Amino acid sequence: MNEISPDQLLSQIRSLSKSLHAPPNVVTLESANVSTSTPTDFSQMLKNTLNAVNDVQQHAGDLKTGFADGTTDASLAEVMIAAQKADLSFRAVTEVRNKLVQAYQDIMNMPV
């Protein structure tokens, strides 16, 4: 059995992700004006991220409905990938929220 190092796996995922193209109406987290290079307002960054996750979920829902009705040209693989992207983005936002709540609780429990 071949051992795959995490670095090899990560490089393969990155090379494959560059070769995939999202449909033009899909808003990804990268295109949601969420960047770390310039200082931005945290609330605006959070709002942009939540809107991007919402758009990804709505697109996945539309693809599911269109595939079930037969009104879309998307294949089953495209529908499943869109659903997985929506699930992954929602889980990521949930984890960030959990970390923010935990940080808030830690700060509030600090002795003054």
N, C-alpha and C. Protein backbone atom coordinates (compact mmCIF):
# COMPACT_ATOMS: atom_id res chain seq x y z
N MET A 1 0.84 -1.18 0.00
CA MET A 1 0.00 0.00 0.00
C MET A 1 0.88 1.24 0.00
N ASN A 2 0.57 2.19 -0.86
CA ASN A 2 1.35 3.42 -0.97
C ASN A 2 0.96 4.39 0.13
N GLU A 3 1.95 4.99 0.74
CA GLU A 3 1.72 6.03 1.74
C GLU A 3 1.71 7.37 1.01
N ILE A 4 0.72 8.17 1.27
CA ILE A 4 0.64 9.50 0.68
C ILE A 4 0.84 10.50 1.79
N SER A 5 1.81 11.35 1.62
CA SER A 5 2.06 12.36 2.64
C SER A 5 1.01 13.47 2.52
N PRO A 6 0.73 14.16 3.61
CA PRO A 6 -0.24 15.26 3.54
C PRO A 6 0.16 16.34 2.54
N ASP A 7 1.48 16.58 2.41
CA ASP A 7 1.92 17.60 1.46
C ASP A 7 1.61 17.20 0.02
N GLN A 8 1.81 15.91 -0.29
CA GLN A 8 1.50 15.44 -1.64
C GLN A 8 0.01 15.55 -1.91
N LEU A 9 -0.79 15.18 -0.93
CA LEU A 9 -2.23 15.23 -1.09
C LEU A 9 -2.70 16.67 -1.29
N LEU A 10 -2.15 17.58 -0.49
CA LEU A 10 -2.52 18.98 -0.61
C LEU A 10 -2.12 19.55 -1.97
N SER A 11 -0.95 19.20 -2.44
CA SER A 11 -0.54 19.70 -3.76
C SER A 11 -1.41 19.14 -4.87
N GLN A 12 -1.83 17.88 -4.74
CA GLN A 12 -2.72 17.30 -5.75
C GLN A 12 -4.08 17.99 -5.73
N ILE A 13 -4.59 18.27 -4.54
CA ILE A 13 -5.89 18.93 -4.43
C ILE A 13 -5.81 20.33 -5.04
N ARG A 14 -4.73 21.04 -4.76
CA ARG A 14 -4.57 22.38 -5.32
C ARG A 14 -4.48 22.35 -6.83
N SER A 15 -3.74 21.39 -7.37
CA SER A 15 -3.62 21.32 -8.83
C SER A 15 -4.95 20.94 -9.47
N LEU A 16 -5.72 20.07 -8.82
CA LEU A 16 -7.03 19.71 -9.37
C LEU A 16 -8.02 20.85 -9.24
N SER A 17 -7.95 21.60 -8.15
CA SER A 17 -8.91 22.69 -7.98
C SER A 17 -8.67 23.79 -8.99
N LYS A 18 -7.43 23.98 -9.43
CA LYS A 18 -7.16 24.97 -10.45
C LYS A 18 -7.73 24.55 -11.80
N SER A 19 -7.83 23.25 -12.02
CA SER A 19 -8.32 22.78 -13.31
C SER A 19 -9.85 22.77 -13.39
N LEU A 20 -10.52 22.84 -12.24
CA LEU A 20 -11.98 22.86 -12.24
C LEU A 20 -12.46 24.28 -12.41
N HIS A 21 -13.56 24.42 -13.11
CA HIS A 21 -14.14 25.74 -13.31
C HIS A 21 -15.56 25.72 -12.79
N ALA A 22 -15.89 26.69 -11.94
CA ALA A 22 -17.26 26.81 -11.42
C ALA A 22 -18.13 27.46 -12.47
N PRO A 23 -19.44 27.13 -12.48
CA PRO A 23 -20.34 27.80 -13.40
C PRO A 23 -20.32 29.31 -13.14
N PRO A 24 -20.59 30.13 -14.15
CA PRO A 24 -20.43 31.58 -13.99
C PRO A 24 -21.35 32.19 -12.94
N ASN A 25 -22.49 31.58 -12.63
CA ASN A 25 -23.40 32.18 -11.66
C ASN A 25 -23.14 31.72 -10.23
N VAL A 26 -22.08 30.97 -10.00
CA VAL A 26 -21.76 30.51 -8.65
C VAL A 26 -20.85 31.53 -7.98
N VAL A 27 -21.21 31.91 -6.78
CA VAL A 27 -20.37 32.81 -6.00
C VAL A 27 -19.57 31.95 -5.03
N THR A 28 -18.27 31.95 -5.18
CA THR A 28 -17.43 31.19 -4.28
C THR A 28 -16.91 32.11 -3.20
N LEU A 29 -16.36 31.51 -2.16
CA LEU A 29 -15.83 32.32 -1.06
C LEU A 29 -14.68 33.19 -1.53
N GLU A 30 -13.94 32.75 -2.54
CA GLU A 30 -12.83 33.54 -3.04
C GLU A 30 -13.33 34.79 -3.75
N SER A 31 -14.51 34.72 -4.37
CA SER A 31 -15.01 35.86 -5.12
C SER A 31 -15.95 36.73 -4.30
N ALA A 32 -16.02 36.51 -3.01
CA ALA A 32 -16.94 37.26 -2.17
C ALA A 32 -16.27 38.46 -1.52
N ASN A 33 -15.19 38.95 -2.11
CA ASN A 33 -14.44 40.07 -1.56
C ASN A 33 -13.95 39.81 -0.15
N VAL A 34 -13.64 38.56 0.14
CA VAL A 34 -13.09 38.20 1.43
C VAL A 34 -11.60 38.05 1.24
N SER A 35 -10.86 39.07 1.64
CA SER A 35 -9.42 39.01 1.45
C SER A 35 -8.72 39.43 2.73
N THR A 36 -7.53 38.93 2.90
CA THR A 36 -6.77 39.27 4.09
C THR A 36 -5.64 40.24 3.78
N SER A 37 -5.49 40.64 2.52
CA SER A 37 -4.37 41.49 2.15
C SER A 37 -4.61 42.95 2.52
N THR A 38 -5.85 43.40 2.51
CA THR A 38 -6.15 44.77 2.87
C THR A 38 -7.02 44.79 4.11
N PRO A 39 -6.81 45.76 4.99
CA PRO A 39 -7.63 45.83 6.19
C PRO A 39 -9.07 46.21 5.83
N THR A 40 -10.00 45.44 6.34
CA THR A 40 -11.40 45.72 6.07
C THR A 40 -12.17 45.69 7.38
N ASP A 41 -13.37 46.16 7.33
CA ASP A 41 -14.24 46.12 8.48
C ASP A 41 -14.66 44.68 8.73
N PHE A 42 -14.53 44.22 9.95
CA PHE A 42 -14.83 42.83 10.27
C PHE A 42 -16.29 42.50 9.98
N SER A 43 -17.19 43.40 10.32
CA SER A 43 -18.60 43.13 10.08
C SER A 43 -18.91 43.00 8.59
N GLN A 44 -18.24 43.82 7.77
CA GLN A 44 -18.45 43.73 6.32
C GLN A 44 -17.89 42.42 5.78
N MET A 45 -16.72 42.02 6.28
CA MET A 45 -16.13 40.76 5.85
C MET A 45 -17.02 39.59 6.24
N LEU A 46 -17.56 39.63 7.45
CA LEU A 46 -18.46 38.57 7.91
C LEU A 46 -19.73 38.53 7.07
N LYS A 47 -20.27 39.70 6.78
CA LYS A 47 -21.48 39.78 5.95
C LYS A 47 -21.22 39.22 4.54
N ASN A 48 -20.08 39.59 3.95
CA ASN A 48 -19.74 39.08 2.61
C ASN A 48 -19.59 37.56 2.62
N THR A 49 -18.96 37.04 3.66
CA THR A 49 -18.77 35.60 3.76
C THR A 49 -20.11 34.88 3.90
N LEU A 50 -20.97 35.40 4.77
CA LEU A 50 -22.28 34.77 4.96
C LEU A 50 -23.11 34.84 3.68
N ASN A 51 -23.03 35.96 2.97
CA ASN A 51 -23.75 36.06 1.70
C ASN A 51 -23.21 35.07 0.67
N ALA A 52 -21.89 34.88 0.65
CA ALA A 52 -21.30 33.93 -0.28
C ALA A 52 -21.74 32.50 0.04
N VAL A 53 -21.76 32.15 1.33
CA VAL A 53 -22.22 30.82 1.73
C VAL A 53 -23.69 30.64 1.36
N ASN A 54 -24.48 31.67 1.58
CA ASN A 54 -25.89 31.60 1.21
C ASN A 54 -26.06 31.40 -0.29
N ASP A 55 -25.28 32.12 -1.09
CA ASP A 55 -25.36 31.97 -2.55
C ASP A 55 -24.97 30.56 -2.99
N VAL A 56 -23.93 30.01 -2.37
CA VAL A 56 -23.50 28.65 -2.71
C VAL A 56 -24.60 27.64 -2.36
N GLN A 57 -25.24 27.84 -1.21
CA GLN A 57 -26.31 26.93 -0.82
C GLN A 57 -27.53 27.06 -1.72
N GLN A 58 -27.86 28.28 -2.10
CA GLN A 58 -29.00 28.46 -3.01
C GLN A 58 -28.72 27.87 -4.38
N HIS A 59 -27.49 28.03 -4.85
CA HIS A 59 -27.13 27.44 -6.15
C HIS A 59 -27.24 25.91 -6.09
N ALA A 60 -26.76 25.33 -5.00
CA ALA A 60 -26.86 23.87 -4.85
C ALA A 60 -28.32 23.43 -4.79
N GLY A 61 -29.14 24.19 -4.09
CA GLY A 61 -30.56 23.86 -4.02
C GLY A 61 -31.24 23.97 -5.38
N ASP A 62 -30.87 25.01 -6.13
CA ASP A 62 -31.43 25.17 -7.48
C ASP A 62 -31.01 24.01 -8.39
N LEU A 63 -29.74 23.61 -8.28
CA LEU A 63 -29.27 22.47 -9.08
C LEU A 63 -29.99 21.19 -8.71
N LYS A 64 -30.20 20.97 -7.41
CA LYS A 64 -30.91 19.76 -6.96
C LYS A 64 -32.33 19.75 -7.51
N THR A 65 -33.00 20.88 -7.38
CA THR A 65 -34.38 20.97 -7.86
C THR A 65 -34.44 20.80 -9.37
N GLY A 66 -33.53 21.47 -10.08
CA GLY A 66 -33.52 21.35 -11.54
C GLY A 66 -33.19 19.94 -12.00
N PHE A 67 -32.30 19.28 -11.29
CA PHE A 67 -31.95 17.90 -11.66
C PHE A 67 -33.13 16.97 -11.41
N ALA A 68 -33.82 17.18 -10.29
CA ALA A 68 -34.98 16.33 -9.98
C ALA A 68 -36.11 16.56 -10.98
N ASP A 69 -36.30 17.81 -11.41
CA ASP A 69 -37.35 18.13 -12.37
C ASP A 69 -36.94 17.83 -13.80
N GLY A 70 -35.65 17.72 -14.04
CA GLY A 70 -35.17 17.51 -15.40
C GLY A 70 -35.06 18.79 -16.19
N THR A 71 -35.05 19.94 -15.49
CA THR A 71 -35.01 21.23 -16.19
C THR A 71 -33.60 21.81 -16.29
N THR A 72 -32.60 21.08 -15.87
CA THR A 72 -31.22 21.58 -15.95
C THR A 72 -30.36 20.59 -16.73
N ASP A 73 -29.29 21.10 -17.28
CA ASP A 73 -28.36 20.25 -18.02
C ASP A 73 -27.25 19.72 -17.14
N ALA A 74 -27.30 20.02 -15.85
CA ALA A 74 -26.25 19.59 -14.92
C ALA A 74 -26.30 18.08 -14.73
N SER A 75 -25.12 17.50 -14.64
CA SER A 75 -25.05 16.06 -14.40
C SER A 75 -25.19 15.79 -12.90
N LEU A 76 -25.37 14.53 -12.58
CA LEU A 76 -25.48 14.15 -11.18
C LEU A 76 -24.21 14.50 -10.42
N ALA A 77 -23.07 14.33 -11.07
CA ALA A 77 -21.80 14.66 -10.42
C ALA A 77 -21.72 16.15 -10.09
N GLU A 78 -22.15 17.00 -11.01
CA GLU A 78 -22.15 18.44 -10.75
C GLU A 78 -23.08 18.81 -9.61
N VAL A 79 -24.23 18.17 -9.56
CA VAL A 79 -25.18 18.42 -8.48
C VAL A 79 -24.59 18.00 -7.14
N MET A 80 -23.97 16.84 -7.11
CA MET A 80 -23.39 16.35 -5.86
C MET A 80 -22.20 17.21 -5.42
N ILE A 81 -21.39 17.66 -6.36
CA ILE A 81 -20.26 18.53 -6.01
C ILE A 81 -20.77 19.85 -5.46
N ALA A 82 -21.79 20.42 -6.08
CA ALA A 82 -22.36 21.67 -5.57
C ALA A 82 -22.93 21.47 -4.17
N ALA A 83 -23.58 20.34 -3.93
CA ALA A 83 -24.12 20.06 -2.60
C ALA A 83 -23.00 19.91 -1.57
N GLN A 84 -21.92 19.27 -1.96
CA GLN A 84 -20.78 19.11 -1.04
C GLN A 84 -20.10 20.45 -0.76
N LYS A 85 -19.99 21.30 -1.78
CA LYS A 85 -19.42 22.63 -1.57
C LYS A 85 -20.28 23.43 -0.60
N ALA A 86 -21.60 23.34 -0.76
CA ALA A 86 -22.50 24.06 0.13
C ALA A 86 -22.37 23.54 1.56
N ASP A 87 -22.30 22.23 1.70
CA ASP A 87 -22.17 21.64 3.03
C ASP A 87 -20.85 22.03 3.67
N LEU A 88 -19.78 21.98 2.91
CA LEU A 88 -18.46 22.32 3.44
C LEU A 88 -18.38 23.79 3.83
N SER A 89 -18.93 24.67 3.01
CA SER A 89 -18.89 26.09 3.34
C SER A 89 -19.73 26.38 4.57
N PHE A 90 -20.87 25.71 4.72
CA PHE A 90 -21.70 25.91 5.91
C PHE A 90 -20.98 25.41 7.15
N ARG A 91 -20.33 24.26 7.05
CA ARG A 91 -19.59 23.73 8.20
C ARG A 91 -18.45 24.66 8.59
N ALA A 92 -17.78 25.23 7.61
CA ALA A 92 -16.68 26.15 7.90
C ALA A 92 -17.18 27.39 8.63
N VAL A 93 -18.30 27.94 8.17
CA VAL A 93 -18.87 29.11 8.84
C VAL A 93 -19.33 28.75 10.25
N THR A 94 -19.88 27.57 10.42
CA THR A 94 -20.30 27.13 11.76
C THR A 94 -19.11 27.01 12.69
N GLU A 95 -18.01 26.47 12.20
CA GLU A 95 -16.81 26.34 13.03
C GLU A 95 -16.24 27.70 13.41
N VAL A 96 -16.25 28.63 12.47
CA VAL A 96 -15.78 29.98 12.77
C VAL A 96 -16.67 30.62 13.83
N ARG A 97 -17.97 30.45 13.69
CA ARG A 97 -18.89 30.98 14.69
C ARG A 97 -18.63 30.37 16.06
N ASN A 98 -18.41 29.06 16.10
CA ASN A 98 -18.13 28.40 17.37
C ASN A 98 -16.86 28.94 18.01
N LYS A 99 -15.84 29.18 17.20
CA LYS A 99 -14.58 29.72 17.72
C LYS A 99 -14.77 31.15 18.23
N LEU A 100 -15.57 31.94 17.53
CA LEU A 100 -15.83 33.30 17.98
C LEU A 100 -16.59 33.31 19.30
N VAL A 101 -17.57 32.44 19.43
CA VAL A 101 -18.33 32.35 20.68
C VAL A 101 -17.42 31.89 21.81
N GLN A 102 -16.57 30.92 21.55
CA GLN A 102 -15.64 30.44 22.57
C GLN A 102 -14.67 31.53 22.99
N ALA A 103 -14.17 32.31 22.02
CA ALA A 103 -13.26 33.41 22.35
C ALA A 103 -13.97 34.46 23.19
N TYR A 104 -15.21 34.77 22.84
CA TYR A 104 -15.99 35.73 23.63
C TYR A 104 -16.18 35.23 25.05
N GLN A 105 -16.52 33.96 25.21
CA GLN A 105 -16.72 33.40 26.54
C GLN A 105 -15.41 33.41 27.34
N ASP A 106 -14.30 33.11 26.68
CA ASP A 106 -13.01 33.14 27.37
C ASP A 106 -12.68 34.56 27.85
N ILE A 107 -12.95 35.55 27.02
CA ILE A 107 -12.68 36.94 27.40
C ILE A 107 -13.59 37.35 28.56
N MET A 108 -14.85 36.98 28.49
CA MET A 108 -15.78 37.36 29.55
C MET A 108 -15.46 36.68 30.88
N ASN A 109 -14.82 35.53 30.85
CA ASN A 109 -14.48 34.81 32.06
C ASN A 109 -13.13 35.20 32.64
N MET A 110 -12.41 36.11 31.97
CA MET A 110 -11.12 36.54 32.48
C MET A 110 -11.31 37.40 33.72
N PRO A 111 -10.47 37.19 34.74
CA PRO A 111 -10.57 38.06 35.92
C PRO A 111 -10.03 39.46 35.59
N VAL A 112 -10.65 40.45 36.16
CA VAL A 112 -10.25 41.84 35.90
C VAL A 112 -9.26 42.31 36.95
